[in-house]
Amino acid sequence: GGQSQEREISERPSFEKFLSSPAGLSEHLNWQLSVTICSDAVREIADNIIGNLDENGYLTASNEELLQGEKYTQDDLDDALAVVQDFDPIGVGARDLRECLLLQLKAFDPTNTLAHQVVSEHLKQVQANQLKEIARALNRPIEVVKRTLDVIKKLDPRPGLRYNKTEPRLVEPDVYFRKVDGVWEVFLNEDDMPQLRLSPTYRRLLARDAADREVRNYVKERFTAAIQLLKNIEQRKHTILRVCQSIIARQGEFLDHGPDALKPMMIKEVAEEVGVHPSTVSRAVASKYAHTSQGVLELRSFFSESVNGPEGGGMSLLTLKRLVKKMIEEEDSTKPLTDEHIAQKLEDAGIHVTRRTVAKYREDMRIPSTHQRRVKA
């Protein structure tokens, strides 16, 4: 329409397409772990849990293997499991189908005690579709049990598969971050959203006094399902919009001045502000891109954990890593900086990090060691 004509030519999505591989399951989970606050022990176990998931998202390692002898406590393991099981897609980190479905019910339908009971006690009968037996065992009307089974059948028995498709794809921005009268605003790329409408043929069939009751009922059922789908799409658009509004409220300086101005920002705080489960935020930003003044960026690149910056203020981990990288890029290659030197330079700038931490950041960025960087004069 007229509005899209007004879009500056530089804002057209068509030439912003580029290839990207969708995040695999472990990458998607590792990213969520990197922006979660937890102790080092819990982070290490959570990392092991992620490394021991099969392609369906199930945990294949035993408690003994994860505890690594006496290295960690049972409490650490319980905390790490709770952390991973709270990630998107909900259901990952379960040891079996029952636990996988219960995790999903707990997150998405916590008040449905009957569904919890059916999954906990009658899963085999659910799989065999033995409605009558379940109704009898629970002393509940068969219609109630049928409705409960419909809820259970909508859960995902293999939540990990959703993120294990690896073919590269063309990327278009899902949202635009633009400055309007000096204020950053979010615009959805509606061109790329699925455009759905209800079929006029179906409408006519419903309006007619269809002699065939079966046809009418079928159409009515499809119609209700279609309206629900439209509502879900609207809801999803609304969530993406709210999440993006929360992002730009925090990251205006980054949009104005570039990567060094990125502020620490965790999934949890955005989830609290938007009023949704943290896994909903993770899902909303997964494989989504924003067209910004800094280029086309993955939405998840706006999230970063906090480290201690100068004057005791918080600073984004990504900003700190960029500082380390910049120091190394500007070093004298005949006398490259040691990790100790870099830690000292950061200390002088009021940023407290240990030599070990510098080494870890350097390895994360795949930068060789001092010895490997030295060029003989």
Protein backbone atom coordinates (compact mmCIF):
# COMPACT_ATOMS: atom_id res chain seq x y z
CA GLY A 1 0.00 0.00 0.00
CA GLY A 2 0.90 3.71 0.15
CA GLN A 3 2.82 3.21 3.36
CA SER A 4 5.27 0.75 1.83
CA GLN A 5 5.78 3.13 -1.13
CA GLU A 6 6.96 5.74 1.37
CA ARG A 7 9.64 3.42 2.70
CA GLU A 8 12.98 4.84 1.70
CA ILE A 9 14.53 2.87 -1.12
CA SER A 10 17.44 1.98 1.20
CA GLU A 11 14.97 0.36 3.59
CA ARG A 12 13.57 -2.10 1.04
CA PRO A 13 14.12 -5.62 2.25
CA SER A 14 14.74 -7.09 -1.22
CA PHE A 15 18.52 -6.55 -1.33
CA GLU A 16 18.97 -7.24 2.36
CA LYS A 17 18.62 -10.95 1.68
CA PHE A 18 21.68 -12.96 2.59
CA LEU A 19 22.41 -16.57 3.44
CA SER A 20 22.24 -17.75 6.99
CA SER A 21 22.23 -21.18 8.56
CA PRO A 22 19.43 -21.52 11.10
CA ALA A 23 20.74 -22.06 14.61
CA GLY A 24 20.95 -25.76 15.46
CA LEU A 25 19.55 -26.98 18.77
CA SER A 26 22.81 -26.84 20.76
CA GLU A 27 23.66 -23.38 19.40
CA HIS A 28 20.17 -22.12 20.28
CA LEU A 29 20.50 -23.54 23.83
CA ASN A 30 24.11 -22.36 24.30
CA TRP A 31 23.05 -18.86 23.35
CA GLN A 32 20.29 -18.94 26.00
CA LEU A 33 22.82 -20.23 28.55
CA SER A 34 25.22 -17.39 27.71
CA VAL A 35 22.56 -14.85 28.70
CA THR A 36 21.44 -16.65 31.88
CA ILE A 37 22.73 -15.70 35.33
CA CYS A 38 24.03 -18.75 37.23
CA SER A 39 27.08 -19.99 39.14
CA ASP A 40 30.13 -21.36 37.28
CA ALA A 41 29.40 -24.93 38.46
CA VAL A 42 25.79 -24.74 37.24
CA ARG A 43 26.95 -23.24 33.91
CA GLU A 44 29.49 -26.07 33.41
CA ILE A 45 26.91 -28.79 34.12
CA ALA A 46 24.30 -27.05 31.94
CA ASP A 47 26.90 -26.95 29.16
CA ASN A 48 27.42 -30.73 29.63
CA ILE A 49 23.67 -31.33 29.59
CA ILE A 50 23.37 -29.45 26.27
CA GLY A 51 26.27 -31.51 24.90
CA ASN A 52 24.46 -34.73 25.88
CA LEU A 53 21.10 -34.11 24.20
CA ASP A 54 20.04 -36.27 21.26
CA GLU A 55 18.52 -34.69 18.14
CA ASN A 56 15.04 -34.89 19.69
CA GLY A 57 16.22 -32.87 22.70
CA TYR A 58 16.33 -35.75 25.22
CA LEU A 59 19.10 -36.02 27.81
CA THR A 60 21.16 -39.16 27.21
CA ALA A 61 23.72 -38.85 30.06
CA SER A 62 23.14 -40.33 33.52
CA ASN A 63 23.35 -38.29 36.74
CA GLU A 64 26.65 -40.05 37.56
CA GLU A 65 28.18 -38.95 34.25
CA LEU A 66 26.99 -35.38 34.73
CA LEU A 67 28.25 -35.22 38.34
CA GLN A 68 31.69 -36.41 37.13
CA GLY A 69 32.46 -38.26 40.34
CA GLU A 70 32.70 -35.82 43.23
CA LYS A 71 33.28 -32.74 41.05
CA TYR A 72 29.77 -31.26 41.46
CA THR A 73 27.00 -31.51 44.05
CA GLN A 74 23.51 -32.93 43.44
CA ASP A 75 22.11 -29.42 44.12
CA ASP A 76 24.27 -28.01 41.31
CA LEU A 77 22.98 -30.73 38.98
CA ASP A 78 19.34 -30.06 39.95
CA ASP A 79 19.84 -26.32 39.36
CA ALA A 80 21.53 -26.92 35.99
CA LEU A 81 18.70 -29.21 34.87
CA ALA A 82 16.13 -26.61 35.93
CA VAL A 83 18.03 -23.95 33.93
CA VAL A 84 18.14 -26.01 30.70
CA GLN A 85 14.57 -27.27 31.11
CA ASP A 86 13.40 -23.66 31.26
CA PHE A 87 14.89 -22.91 27.82
CA ASP A 88 13.09 -22.83 24.50
CA PRO A 89 12.02 -25.27 23.10
CA ILE A 90 10.27 -26.32 26.32
CA GLY A 91 10.64 -30.07 26.81
CA VAL A 92 14.38 -30.28 26.08
CA GLY A 93 16.55 -31.82 28.77
CA ALA A 94 13.90 -34.40 29.67
CA ARG A 95 14.99 -37.98 30.29
CA ASP A 96 11.88 -39.59 28.82
CA LEU A 97 8.61 -38.79 27.06
CA ARG A 98 6.66 -38.46 30.32
CA GLU A 99 9.04 -35.81 31.68
CA CYS A 100 9.13 -34.03 28.31
CA LEU A 101 5.32 -33.67 28.21
CA LEU A 102 5.11 -32.70 31.90
CA LEU A 103 7.65 -29.90 31.34
CA GLN A 104 5.48 -28.54 28.52
CA LEU A 105 2.29 -28.75 30.59
CA LYS A 106 4.01 -27.02 33.52
CA ALA A 107 5.10 -24.13 31.29
CA PHE A 108 2.05 -23.71 29.07
CA ASP A 109 -0.92 -25.12 31.01
CA PRO A 110 0.06 -25.13 34.70
CA THR A 111 -3.49 -25.23 36.07
CA ASN A 112 -4.55 -28.28 34.04
CA THR A 113 -4.16 -30.80 36.88
CA LEU A 114 -6.06 -33.51 35.01
CA ALA A 115 -3.65 -33.40 32.05
CA HIS A 116 -0.73 -33.63 34.52
CA GLN A 117 -2.32 -36.66 36.16
CA VAL A 118 -3.07 -38.40 32.86
CA VAL A 119 0.53 -37.94 31.62
CA SER A 120 1.99 -38.97 34.99
CA GLU A 121 -0.09 -42.09 35.53
CA HIS A 122 -1.63 -43.19 32.22
CA LEU A 123 0.84 -42.39 29.45
CA LYS A 124 0.78 -45.91 27.94
CA GLN A 125 -3.02 -45.74 27.70
CA VAL A 126 -2.79 -42.28 26.10
CA GLN A 127 -0.46 -43.72 23.45
CA ALA A 128 -2.92 -46.57 22.86
CA ASN A 129 -5.82 -44.06 22.82
CA GLN A 130 -7.67 -46.03 25.55
CA LEU A 131 -10.15 -43.32 26.48
CA LYS A 132 -12.58 -45.54 28.36
CA GLU A 133 -9.91 -47.12 30.57
CA ILE A 134 -8.48 -43.71 31.53
CA ALA A 135 -11.96 -42.30 32.26
CA ARG A 136 -12.76 -45.33 34.42
CA ALA A 137 -9.45 -45.20 36.33
CA LEU A 138 -9.85 -41.49 37.05
CA ASN A 139 -13.60 -41.63 37.56
CA ARG A 140 -14.14 -38.78 35.07
CA PRO A 141 -16.67 -38.33 32.22
CA ILE A 142 -15.34 -39.57 28.88
CA GLU A 143 -15.85 -36.13 27.21
CA VAL A 144 -13.60 -34.50 29.83
CA VAL A 145 -10.91 -37.13 29.26
CA LYS A 146 -11.21 -36.70 25.48
CA ARG A 147 -10.66 -32.93 25.81
CA THR A 148 -7.66 -33.60 28.06
CA LEU A 149 -6.20 -36.02 25.51
CA ASP A 150 -6.63 -33.37 22.79
CA VAL A 151 -4.51 -31.01 24.90
CA ILE A 152 -1.83 -33.69 25.44
CA LYS A 153 -1.71 -34.60 21.74
CA LYS A 154 -0.89 -30.98 20.87
CA LEU A 155 2.34 -31.20 22.92
CA ASP A 156 5.61 -31.87 21.09
CA PRO A 157 7.12 -35.32 21.82
CA ARG A 158 10.38 -34.36 20.03
CA PRO A 159 10.99 -30.69 20.83
CA GLY A 160 14.63 -30.71 19.67
CA LEU A 161 13.80 -31.51 16.04
CA ARG A 162 12.46 -28.01 15.47
CA TYR A 163 16.00 -26.60 15.64
CA ASN A 164 17.86 -29.42 13.92
CA LYS A 165 17.23 -28.46 10.31
CA THR A 166 20.51 -27.34 8.83
CA GLU A 167 19.94 -26.12 5.28
CA PRO A 168 20.96 -22.45 4.80
CA ARG A 169 18.17 -20.06 3.93
CA LEU A 170 17.67 -16.54 2.62
CA VAL A 171 17.23 -14.02 5.37
CA GLU A 172 14.99 -10.99 5.26
CA PRO A 173 14.57 -8.62 8.18
CA ASP A 174 11.49 -9.44 10.26
CA VAL A 175 11.48 -5.99 11.84
CA TYR A 176 12.81 -2.51 11.09
CA PHE A 177 14.25 -0.28 13.82
CA ARG A 178 13.82 3.32 12.61
CA LYS A 179 14.18 6.72 14.17
CA VAL A 180 10.98 8.76 14.01
CA ASP A 181 11.21 12.35 15.34
CA GLY A 182 14.32 11.46 17.32
CA VAL A 183 12.81 8.33 18.92
CA TRP A 184 13.62 4.72 17.96
CA GLU A 185 10.54 2.78 16.84
CA VAL A 186 9.81 -0.79 15.71
CA PHE A 187 8.02 -1.66 12.46
CA LEU A 188 7.12 -5.23 11.51
CA ASN A 189 8.03 -6.32 7.99
CA GLU A 190 4.44 -7.17 7.06
CA ASP A 191 5.50 -8.04 3.47
CA ASP A 192 7.12 -11.15 4.83
CA MET A 193 4.41 -12.20 7.28
CA PRO A 194 2.11 -15.03 6.15
CA GLN A 195 -1.00 -13.31 4.75
CA LEU A 196 -4.00 -15.42 5.69
CA ARG A 197 -7.67 -14.75 5.18
CA LEU A 198 -10.82 -16.80 5.55
CA SER A 199 -12.09 -18.33 2.32
CA PRO A 200 -15.29 -16.72 0.89
CA THR A 201 -16.45 -20.20 -0.25
CA TYR A 202 -16.37 -21.41 3.37
CA ARG A 203 -18.20 -18.27 4.47
CA ARG A 204 -20.97 -18.95 1.92
CA LEU A 205 -21.26 -22.59 2.97
CA LEU A 206 -21.71 -21.49 6.56
CA ALA A 207 -24.25 -18.80 5.72
CA ARG A 208 -26.36 -21.13 3.56
CA ASP A 209 -28.84 -23.38 5.25
CA ALA A 210 -26.71 -26.31 4.20
CA ALA A 211 -29.04 -29.30 4.05
CA ASP A 212 -26.08 -31.52 4.86
CA ARG A 213 -25.50 -31.16 8.58
CA GLU A 214 -22.19 -33.01 8.32
CA VAL A 215 -20.82 -30.50 5.80
CA ARG A 216 -21.96 -27.61 8.00
CA ASN A 217 -20.29 -29.11 11.06
CA TYR A 218 -17.08 -29.81 9.16
CA VAL A 219 -16.95 -26.26 7.80
CA LYS A 220 -17.74 -24.83 11.23
CA GLU A 221 -14.89 -26.84 12.75
CA ARG A 222 -12.42 -25.70 10.04
CA PHE A 223 -13.64 -22.13 10.46
CA THR A 224 -13.04 -22.18 14.22
CA ALA A 225 -9.56 -23.65 13.67
CA ALA A 226 -8.77 -20.95 11.07
CA ILE A 227 -9.89 -18.15 13.38
CA GLN A 228 -7.72 -19.63 16.16
CA LEU A 229 -4.73 -19.73 13.78
CA LEU A 230 -5.25 -16.07 12.83
CA LYS A 231 -5.45 -15.18 16.53
CA ASN A 232 -2.21 -17.09 17.22
CA ILE A 233 -0.40 -15.27 14.40
CA GLU A 234 -1.64 -11.92 15.72
CA GLN A 235 -0.51 -12.93 19.22
CA ARG A 236 2.94 -13.88 17.91
CA LYS A 237 3.28 -10.56 16.03
CA HIS A 238 2.24 -8.74 19.20
CA THR A 239 4.90 -10.62 21.25
CA ILE A 240 7.68 -9.87 18.72
CA LEU A 241 6.66 -6.22 18.72
CA ARG A 242 6.64 -5.99 22.53
CA VAL A 243 10.01 -7.77 22.80
CA CYS A 244 11.53 -5.43 20.19
CA GLN A 245 10.12 -2.36 21.95
CA SER A 246 11.79 -3.58 25.14
CA ILE A 247 15.08 -4.08 23.22
CA ILE A 248 15.17 -0.59 21.69
CA ALA A 249 14.20 1.03 25.00
CA ARG A 250 17.44 -0.44 26.41
CA GLN A 251 19.71 -0.35 23.37
CA GLY A 252 19.11 3.13 21.90
CA GLU A 253 22.77 4.08 22.41
CA PHE A 254 23.91 0.98 20.56
CA LEU A 255 21.64 1.88 17.62
CA ASP A 256 23.03 5.44 17.67
CA HIS A 257 26.72 4.76 18.28
CA GLY A 258 27.47 1.14 17.35
CA PRO A 259 28.73 -2.05 19.07
CA ASP A 260 30.80 -0.38 21.81
CA ALA A 261 27.61 1.11 23.27
CA LEU A 262 25.82 -2.26 23.61
CA LYS A 263 24.36 -2.55 27.11
CA PRO A 264 24.10 -5.82 29.05
CA MET A 265 20.60 -7.24 28.64
CA MET A 266 19.23 -10.59 29.82
CA ILE A 267 16.29 -12.60 28.49
CA LYS A 268 14.74 -12.72 31.95
CA GLU A 269 14.41 -8.94 32.35
CA VAL A 270 12.79 -8.56 28.91
CA ALA A 271 10.43 -11.47 29.72
CA GLU A 272 9.42 -9.80 32.99
CA GLU A 273 8.76 -6.49 31.26
CA VAL A 274 6.70 -8.09 28.47
CA GLY A 275 4.94 -10.39 30.97
CA VAL A 276 5.77 -13.75 29.36
CA HIS A 277 7.81 -16.89 30.17
CA PRO A 278 11.55 -16.45 29.31
CA SER A 279 11.30 -19.31 26.78
CA THR A 280 8.69 -17.23 24.89
CA VAL A 281 11.23 -14.42 24.48
CA SER A 282 13.91 -16.91 23.33
CA ARG A 283 11.48 -18.33 20.78
CA ALA A 284 10.36 -14.87 19.64
CA VAL A 285 13.94 -13.80 18.84
CA ALA A 286 15.22 -17.15 17.48
CA SER A 287 16.32 -16.80 13.83
CA LYS A 288 14.74 -13.33 13.55
CA TYR A 289 16.54 -10.33 12.07
CA ALA A 290 16.24 -6.57 12.47
CA HIS A 291 17.12 -3.97 9.86
CA THR A 292 18.97 -1.33 11.92
CA SER A 293 21.27 1.65 11.53
CA GLN A 294 24.09 -0.83 12.30
CA GLY A 295 23.14 -3.22 9.48
CA VAL A 296 20.89 -6.30 9.45
CA LEU A 297 21.38 -7.97 12.85
CA GLU A 298 20.10 -11.11 14.48
CA LEU A 299 17.73 -10.12 17.31
CA ARG A 300 19.57 -12.35 19.74
CA SER A 301 22.78 -10.33 19.21
CA PHE A 302 21.18 -7.57 21.33
CA PHE A 303 21.34 -9.83 24.40
CA SER A 304 24.56 -10.07 26.36
CA GLU A 305 25.47 -10.85 29.95
CA SER A 306 26.81 -8.15 32.25
CA VAL A 307 30.41 -7.92 33.45
CA ASN A 308 31.91 -5.38 35.85
CA GLY A 309 32.81 -2.25 33.94
CA PRO A 310 34.66 0.93 34.99
CA GLU A 311 33.44 2.74 38.14
CA GLY A 312 31.58 -0.40 39.20
CA GLY A 313 29.02 0.03 36.40
CA GLY A 314 27.76 -2.92 34.33
CA MET A 315 29.20 -3.43 30.87
CA SER A 316 28.23 -5.84 28.11
CA LEU A 317 30.39 -8.94 27.75
CA LEU A 318 30.44 -8.40 23.96
CA THR A 319 31.81 -4.87 24.44
CA LEU A 320 34.54 -6.23 26.71
CA LYS A 321 35.46 -8.91 24.15
CA ARG A 322 35.67 -6.21 21.45
CA LEU A 323 38.07 -4.24 23.69
CA VAL A 324 40.32 -7.29 24.02
CA LYS A 325 40.20 -7.87 20.25
CA LYS A 326 41.03 -4.22 19.53
CA MET A 327 44.07 -4.31 21.86
CA ILE A 328 45.36 -7.40 20.05
CA GLU A 329 44.73 -5.88 16.61
CA GLU A 330 46.74 -2.78 17.59
CA GLU A 331 49.65 -4.62 19.27
CA ASP A 332 53.23 -4.66 18.01
CA SER A 333 53.37 -8.07 16.29
CA THR A 334 57.05 -8.52 17.20
CA LYS A 335 56.10 -8.05 20.88
CA PRO A 336 52.51 -9.31 21.15
CA LEU A 337 50.59 -8.71 24.38
CA THR A 338 50.31 -11.56 26.85
CA ASP A 339 46.95 -12.30 28.47
CA GLU A 340 48.51 -10.93 31.68
CA HIS A 341 49.34 -7.62 29.89
CA ILE A 342 45.81 -7.33 28.52
CA ALA A 343 44.32 -7.97 31.98
CA GLN A 344 46.61 -5.23 33.38
CA LYS A 345 45.58 -2.74 30.66
CA LEU A 346 41.92 -3.46 31.41
CA GLU A 347 42.64 -3.07 35.14
CA ASP A 348 44.16 0.38 34.39
CA ALA A 349 40.90 1.28 32.62
CA GLY A 350 38.94 0.24 35.74
CA ILE A 351 37.79 -3.14 34.40
CA HIS A 352 38.64 -6.07 36.70
CA VAL A 353 39.27 -9.35 34.88
CA THR A 354 41.74 -12.13 35.55
CA ARG A 355 44.37 -13.44 33.12
CA ARG A 356 42.36 -16.69 32.86
CA THR A 357 39.24 -14.76 31.83
CA VAL A 358 41.18 -12.88 29.13
CA ALA A 359 42.47 -16.23 27.82
CA LYS A 360 38.90 -17.59 27.72
CA TYR A 361 37.61 -14.53 25.80
CA ARG A 362 40.54 -14.81 23.37
CA GLU A 363 39.79 -18.50 22.75
CA ASP A 364 36.06 -17.73 22.32
CA MET A 365 37.04 -15.30 19.54
CA ARG A 366 39.45 -17.90 18.06
CA ILE A 367 42.45 -15.56 18.50
CA PRO A 368 45.79 -17.45 18.74
CA SER A 369 48.00 -17.25 21.86
CA THR A 370 50.83 -14.71 22.33
CA HIS A 371 53.37 -17.32 21.25
CA GLN A 372 51.46 -18.11 18.04
CA ARG A 373 50.97 -14.40 17.24
CA ARG A 374 54.64 -13.44 17.56
CA VAL A 375 56.21 -12.38 14.26
CA LYS A 376 60.01 -12.60 14.26
CA ALA A 377 61.50 -9.16 13.60
